[in-house]
Amino acid sequence: MNKMLLLALSGAALLSSCSVIGTRAAAVSGQVRGFPVDQNLGLALVGFNNGQYVANGQRAQVIDKLVSGGYTLSLPRNVAYGTYRVVVFRDANSNGTYDAGDTILSRSNNKLLIYAPRDNYLFKGTTYGWNIYNSANGDIQTNILNNYDIDAAN
């Protein structure tokens, strides 16, 4: 009986880890701090290339209207390989997505989300799928994508 229970628990743990380990799917989590409430704010995954945010519709965006406390954002598989950031923005036209005219209210946390087609893509140490690269110290998170904290710019 104990062996059956251990086998069942091991199988469940292995299956639950499939969304992070061995596939391109993942989730990123962190804290959101210092933002006003009820200001039509959104949380978005947006492309970030050459120091510019990409809002041209070629990159999928994930929106979560809850911008206080902690967050967990599922990262999509159907986006181009490259660099991304999670930002808090004011949704000027209330369409539920980050657009070029929207104001980003979060400051840089020196971290990039890297969606990699292979190991060591863009930075040594990244692995296939989603990674966090910390430009302040060169650290790379490959399995558990946490501590992606977002603070208000002011």
C-alpha atoms as a PDB file:
ATOM      1  CA  MET A   1       0.000   0.000   0.000  1.00  0.00           C
ATOM      2  CA  ASN A   2       2.794   2.424   0.926  1.00  0.00           C
ATOM      3  CA  LYS A   3       4.570   1.676  -2.367  1.00  0.00           C
ATOM      4  CA  MET A   4       1.374   2.424  -4.314  1.00  0.00           C
ATOM      5  CA  LEU A   5       0.918   5.720  -2.478  1.00  0.00           C
ATOM      6  CA  LEU A   6       4.560   6.680  -3.060  1.00  0.00           C
ATOM      7  CA  LEU A   7       4.257   5.795  -6.750  1.00  0.00           C
ATOM      8  CA  ALA A   8       1.049   7.834  -7.104  1.00  0.00           C
ATOM      9  CA  LEU A   9       2.568  10.869  -5.374  1.00  0.00           C
ATOM     10  CA  SER A  10       5.740  10.628  -7.473  1.00  0.00           C
ATOM     11  CA  GLY A  11       3.677  10.472 -10.664  1.00  0.00           C
ATOM     12  CA  ALA A  12       1.575  13.467  -9.639  1.00  0.00           C
ATOM     13  CA  ALA A  13       4.693  15.494  -8.823  1.00  0.00           C
ATOM     14  CA  LEU A  14       6.252  14.589 -12.153  1.00  0.00           C
ATOM     15  CA  LEU A  15       3.128  15.542 -14.094  1.00  0.00           C
ATOM     16  CA  SER A  16       2.721  18.834 -12.246  1.00  0.00           C
ATOM     17  CA  SER A  17       6.308  19.784 -13.047  1.00  0.00           C
ATOM     18  CA  CYS A  18       5.769  19.243 -16.781  1.00  0.00           C
ATOM     19  CA  SER A  19       4.429  22.761 -17.151  1.00  0.00           C
ATOM     20  CA  VAL A  20       7.797  24.172 -16.115  1.00  0.00           C
ATOM     21  CA  ILE A  21      10.435  21.507 -16.752  1.00  0.00           C
ATOM     22  CA  GLY A  22      10.850  19.992 -20.201  1.00  0.00           C
ATOM     23  CA  THR A  23       8.309  22.139 -22.037  1.00  0.00           C
ATOM     24  CA  ARG A  24       8.061  25.694 -23.226  1.00  0.00           C
ATOM     25  CA  ALA A  25       5.208  26.557 -20.850  1.00  0.00           C
ATOM     26  CA  ALA A  26       5.803  28.253 -17.528  1.00  0.00           C
ATOM     27  CA  ALA A  27       4.506  30.885 -15.149  1.00  0.00           C
ATOM     28  CA  VAL A  28       6.228  33.911 -13.672  1.00  0.00           C
ATOM     29  CA  SER A  29       5.399  35.332 -10.254  1.00  0.00           C
ATOM     30  CA  GLY A  30       6.337  38.228  -8.049  1.00  0.00           C
ATOM     31  CA  GLN A  31       5.084  41.177  -6.034  1.00  0.00           C
ATOM     32  CA  VAL A  32       3.470  44.350  -7.383  1.00  0.00           C
ATOM     33  CA  ARG A  33       4.162  47.370  -5.170  1.00  0.00           C
ATOM     34  CA  GLY A  34       3.404  51.080  -5.028  1.00  0.00           C
ATOM     35  CA  PHE A  35       0.643  51.400  -7.643  1.00  0.00           C
ATOM     36  CA  PRO A  36      -2.635  53.317  -7.106  1.00  0.00           C
ATOM     37  CA  VAL A  37      -5.824  51.278  -7.068  1.00  0.00           C
ATOM     38  CA  ASP A  38      -8.800  51.844  -9.393  1.00  0.00           C
ATOM     39  CA  GLN A  39      -6.709  53.594 -12.060  1.00  0.00           C
ATOM     40  CA  ASN A  40      -7.477  51.304 -15.043  1.00  0.00           C
ATOM     41  CA  LEU A  41      -4.120  49.567 -14.721  1.00  0.00           C
ATOM     42  CA  GLY A  42      -3.108  46.308 -16.341  1.00  0.00           C
ATOM     43  CA  LEU A  43      -0.342  43.764 -16.069  1.00  0.00           C
ATOM     44  CA  ALA A  44       1.064  42.715 -19.448  1.00  0.00           C
ATOM     45  CA  LEU A  45       3.740  40.542 -20.966  1.00  0.00           C
ATOM     46  CA  VAL A  46       5.252  42.636 -23.748  1.00  0.00           C
ATOM     47  CA  GLY A  47       8.165  42.227 -26.091  1.00  0.00           C
ATOM     48  CA  PHE A  48      11.311  44.163 -25.210  1.00  0.00           C
ATOM     49  CA  ASN A  49      13.981  44.572 -27.886  1.00  0.00           C
ATOM     50  CA  ASN A  50      16.881  47.004 -28.088  1.00  0.00           C
ATOM     51  CA  GLY A  51      15.571  48.957 -25.100  1.00  0.00           C
ATOM     52  CA  GLN A  52      12.104  49.417 -26.637  1.00  0.00           C
ATOM     53  CA  TYR A  53       8.758  47.855 -25.782  1.00  0.00           C
ATOM     54  CA  VAL A  54       7.079  46.082 -28.686  1.00  0.00           C
ATOM     55  CA  ALA A  55       3.358  46.742 -29.065  1.00  0.00           C
ATOM     56  CA  ASN A  56       2.726  46.041 -32.726  1.00  0.00           C
ATOM     57  CA  GLY A  57       0.435  43.032 -32.342  1.00  0.00           C
ATOM     58  CA  GLN A  58       3.100  40.522 -33.362  1.00  0.00           C
ATOM     59  CA  ARG A  59       3.652  39.407 -29.780  1.00  0.00           C
ATOM     60  CA  ALA A  60       0.889  37.922 -27.672  1.00  0.00           C
ATOM     61  CA  GLN A  61       0.026  39.707 -24.460  1.00  0.00           C
ATOM     62  CA  VAL A  62      -1.358  38.391 -21.203  1.00  0.00           C
ATOM     63  CA  ILE A  63      -3.392  40.803 -19.106  1.00  0.00           C
ATOM     64  CA  ASP A  64      -4.299  40.607 -15.425  1.00  0.00           C
ATOM     65  CA  LYS A  65      -6.278  43.543 -14.062  1.00  0.00           C
ATOM     66  CA  LEU A  66      -5.282  42.793 -10.451  1.00  0.00           C
ATOM     67  CA  VAL A  67      -2.227  44.924  -9.777  1.00  0.00           C
ATOM     68  CA  SER A  68      -1.884  44.833  -6.003  1.00  0.00           C
ATOM     69  CA  GLY A  69      -0.005  42.295  -3.916  1.00  0.00           C
ATOM     70  CA  GLY A  70       1.354  39.174  -5.530  1.00  0.00           C
ATOM     71  CA  TYR A  71       0.726  37.899  -9.020  1.00  0.00           C
ATOM     72  CA  THR A  72       1.283  34.779 -11.086  1.00  0.00           C
ATOM     73  CA  LEU A  73       1.159  35.102 -14.849  1.00  0.00           C
ATOM     74  CA  SER A  74       1.015  32.117 -17.177  1.00  0.00           C
ATOM     75  CA  LEU A  75       3.524  32.546 -19.962  1.00  0.00           C
ATOM     76  CA  PRO A  76       2.294  31.643 -23.451  1.00  0.00           C
ATOM     77  CA  ARG A  77       3.859  29.175 -25.857  1.00  0.00           C
ATOM     78  CA  ASN A  78       2.639  30.859 -29.037  1.00  0.00           C
ATOM     79  CA  VAL A  79       5.018  33.822 -29.062  1.00  0.00           C
ATOM     80  CA  ALA A  80       8.222  34.523 -30.938  1.00  0.00           C
ATOM     81  CA  TYR A  81      11.493  33.576 -29.307  1.00  0.00           C
ATOM     82  CA  GLY A  82      13.186  36.602 -27.766  1.00  0.00           C
ATOM     83  CA  THR A  83      13.102  38.972 -24.804  1.00  0.00           C
ATOM     84  CA  TYR A  84      10.075  40.119 -22.841  1.00  0.00           C
ATOM     85  CA  ARG A  85       9.157  42.078 -19.739  1.00  0.00           C
ATOM     86  CA  VAL A  86       6.145  42.073 -17.472  1.00  0.00           C
ATOM     87  CA  VAL A  87       4.945  45.659 -17.006  1.00  0.00           C
ATOM     88  CA  VAL A  88       2.188  47.566 -15.264  1.00  0.00           C
ATOM     89  CA  PHE A  89       0.535  50.049 -17.609  1.00  0.00           C
ATOM     90  CA  ARG A  90      -2.361  52.502 -17.691  1.00  0.00           C
ATOM     91  CA  ASP A  91      -4.852  51.267 -20.282  1.00  0.00           C
ATOM     92  CA  ALA A  92      -5.654  54.630 -21.925  1.00  0.00           C
ATOM     93  CA  ASN A  93      -8.287  53.323 -24.346  1.00  0.00           C
ATOM     94  CA  SER A  94      -9.669  50.580 -22.033  1.00  0.00           C
ATOM     95  CA  ASN A  95      -9.203  47.851 -24.623  1.00  0.00           C
ATOM     96  CA  GLY A  96      -7.522  45.429 -22.197  1.00  0.00           C
ATOM     97  CA  THR A  97      -4.153  45.274 -23.968  1.00  0.00           C
ATOM     98  CA  TYR A  98      -0.929  47.230 -23.891  1.00  0.00           C
ATOM     99  CA  ASP A  99      -0.828  49.570 -26.907  1.00  0.00           C
ATOM    100  CA  ALA A 100       1.829  52.022 -28.082  1.00  0.00           C
ATOM    101  CA  GLY A 101      -0.136  54.937 -26.559  1.00  0.00           C
ATOM    102  CA  ASP A 102      -0.385  53.382 -23.098  1.00  0.00           C
ATOM    103  CA  THR A 103       1.887  54.615 -20.315  1.00  0.00           C
ATOM    104  CA  ILE A 104       4.130  52.090 -18.574  1.00  0.00           C
ATOM    105  CA  LEU A 105       4.053  52.871 -14.857  1.00  0.00           C
ATOM    106  CA  SER A 106       6.531  50.258 -13.647  1.00  0.00           C
ATOM    107  CA  ARG A 107      10.255  50.793 -13.451  1.00  0.00           C
ATOM    108  CA  SER A 108      12.863  48.382 -14.756  1.00  0.00           C
ATOM    109  CA  ASN A 109      13.704  45.572 -12.369  1.00  0.00           C
ATOM    110  CA  ASN A 110      16.844  44.737 -14.402  1.00  0.00           C
ATOM    111  CA  LYS A 111      15.266  41.423 -15.388  1.00  0.00           C
ATOM    112  CA  LEU A 112      14.306  40.065 -18.779  1.00  0.00           C
ATOM    113  CA  LEU A 113      12.128  37.106 -19.568  1.00  0.00           C
ATOM    114  CA  ILE A 114      13.890  35.101 -22.277  1.00  0.00           C
ATOM    115  CA  TYR A 115      11.884  32.722 -24.449  1.00  0.00           C
ATOM    116  CA  ALA A 116      14.588  30.445 -25.842  1.00  0.00           C
ATOM    117  CA  PRO A 117      14.394  27.935 -28.727  1.00  0.00           C
ATOM    118  CA  ARG A 118      17.531  26.179 -27.422  1.00  0.00           C
ATOM    119  CA  ASP A 119      19.999  26.176 -24.556  1.00  0.00           C
ATOM    120  CA  ASN A 120      22.359  29.184 -24.250  1.00  0.00           C
ATOM    121  CA  TYR A 121      20.135  31.353 -26.477  1.00  0.00           C
ATOM    122  CA  LEU A 122      21.085  35.052 -26.065  1.00  0.00           C
ATOM    123  CA  PHE A 123      22.799  34.384 -22.709  1.00  0.00           C
ATOM    124  CA  LYS A 124      24.951  31.499 -21.514  1.00  0.00           C
ATOM    125  CA  GLY A 125      22.977  29.396 -19.045  1.00  0.00           C
ATOM    126  CA  THR A 126      19.511  29.845 -20.531  1.00  0.00           C
ATOM    127  CA  THR A 127      17.635  26.658 -21.359  1.00  0.00           C
ATOM    128  CA  TYR A 128      14.926  25.784 -23.868  1.00  0.00           C
ATOM    129  CA  GLY A 129      11.683  27.587 -22.928  1.00  0.00           C
ATOM    130  CA  TRP A 130      11.163  30.461 -20.507  1.00  0.00           C
ATOM    131  CA  ASN A 131      13.993  31.887 -18.375  1.00  0.00           C
ATOM    132  CA  ILE A 132      14.619  34.994 -16.275  1.00  0.00           C
ATOM    133  CA  TYR A 133      17.883  36.848 -16.915  1.00  0.00           C
ATOM    134  CA  ASN A 134      18.987  39.370 -14.273  1.00  0.00           C
ATOM    135  CA  SER A 135      21.210  41.961 -15.958  1.00  0.00           C
ATOM    136  CA  ALA A 136      22.295  43.395 -12.589  1.00  0.00           C
ATOM    137  CA  ASN A 137      24.199  40.252 -11.582  1.00  0.00           C
ATOM    138  CA  GLY A 138      24.025  37.873 -14.569  1.00  0.00           C
ATOM    139  CA  ASP A 139      21.921  35.284 -12.720  1.00  0.00           C
ATOM    140  CA  ILE A 140      19.592  33.100 -14.760  1.00  0.00           C
ATOM    141  CA  GLN A 141      16.496  31.331 -13.441  1.00  0.00           C
ATOM    142  CA  THR A 142      15.442  28.404 -15.607  1.00  0.00           C
ATOM    143  CA  ASN A 143      12.919  26.291 -13.671  1.00  0.00           C
ATOM    144  CA  ILE A 144      11.150  28.373 -11.039  1.00  0.00           C
ATOM    145  CA  LEU A 145      10.472  31.835 -12.417  1.00  0.00           C
ATOM    146  CA  ASN A 146       9.760  33.793  -9.249  1.00  0.00           C
ATOM    147  CA  ASN A 147      10.819  37.041  -7.598  1.00  0.00           C
ATOM    148  CA  TYR A 148      10.001  38.993 -10.756  1.00  0.00           C
ATOM    149  CA  ASP A 149       8.891  41.915  -8.592  1.00  0.00           C
ATOM    150  CA  ILE A 150       7.385  45.019 -10.169  1.00  0.00           C
ATOM    151  CA  ASP A 151       7.609  48.413  -8.479  1.00  0.00           C
ATOM    152  CA  ALA A 152       5.994  51.719  -9.409  1.00  0.00           C
ATOM    153  CA  ALA A 153       8.277  54.164 -11.219  1.00  0.00           C
ATOM    154  CA  ASN A 154       7.575  57.006  -8.753  1.00  0.00           C
END
